[in-house]
Amino acid sequence: MKKHLSLIMVATVMVTVSCSKSEDKGDGYTFINNDPVTMNLSVAKNDVYEVKTFELDQTALAAAFGGTIPTGLQFYAINSEGIRKVGVDDYTSEYGFYFNSYGNVCMPSDDSCKFFVEYYSTAEGYAKPTIGIGQYPNSCKAGDPLTLKVGLTDGTTIGQPYKLKITVNADLGWAVYFENADPLTYTVYEPVNTGYKALEVFIDQTALCSALGVSSAADIVTGLTNNTISFVGVNADGSLYTAGSTANSYGYWFNATGDVCTWGSGAAAVYSEWYGAVPISFSIGQYTSGISVGDKFTIKQAFVNGDKTAILTYKIRIVDAITSDLGPDETK
């Protein structure tokens, strides 16, 4: 059985459900399908079994089963002709099914495999019912559309199908940053991640050196070594945090309001750490929990050289996915 990488991105899809019934295709199962819920989903092209997850609307799922989500729901696939494959005995991936380009369940050894769709519940450590979508390596290209059908059933009475209309987007990287009109301000877009994964942001060397009155990045490194230049955190009110780094390598943790904090404070949200010396760069990352799509953080750090201060500002935006329409956020 082919293995895949673990969860890296999470998005929430809100859906509604109809209570009318569809015809039983006579595949040996007695439960009746509700009408399918359509989900329009986008995934970035990848060739390494990377999984993107989508939380199912719990209210709609409960409504499909008369008001309460049953325990022990079984995941099933629906082939193009309507025949259902139900439960772990029919699985062709670890937690679900591989599909070919015709929308039929296939084995991972089949050259026609395109996608796999899996179901994750509390048994797999997920608080909410979640589906994961991945691609068979080198099987998809940007722009590819495909419709797959899966569902959840109590095994005896009701099945709630989902029609997944999947579009493959170009791989734009897991995260991205943009330099703002102020060359020492950067907008950073990242999806939620739970492993301290960080994006390297390269600082505008010319703007930084000019602000500090030095001629090169090497002069800044020398100044830090000789203690003629200091590197500090900046709180949300503009005050300097001079008590020393709270993260690694000239780095600082920040809480949701943009104040410097420590990793173990219970309030840590995002961090910035020195990464590269020449050219100067910083790693921007997140705490491993408590971060959600739509969260916005603005954090600041500063180099101080005598009477000159250069403030670096990072506008961190947590997004569902990296898309081509992103750009610098110039809002105050």
Foldseek 3Di string as FASTA:
>chain_A
DDDADDAFFEDEDEWAFDQDWDDDPPQPFAATEGPAIEDEEEDADDAGRYKYKYFYDLQRCCVNVPRHNDPPKWKWWAAPVGHIDIHDVRDQDPAHFWAFQRQGGDHLVDPRTFKTKGWDDVVNPDPGTMIMMTTHGPNDDAFDWGWTKMWIDPRHYYIHMYIYTYGYHHPPDQWDKAQDPQQLEMEIEHAAGQPFAWDKDFGPFVNQCVLQVHDGLVVVVVCCVVVLKDKFWAALVGDTDDPDAQDPASKFFAFLSAGTDHLPPVRTFKMWHWDDRVRTIIIIGTHNDDDHQARWGKTWMWMDRPPGIDIHIYIYHHHRGDDPPDHDDPDD
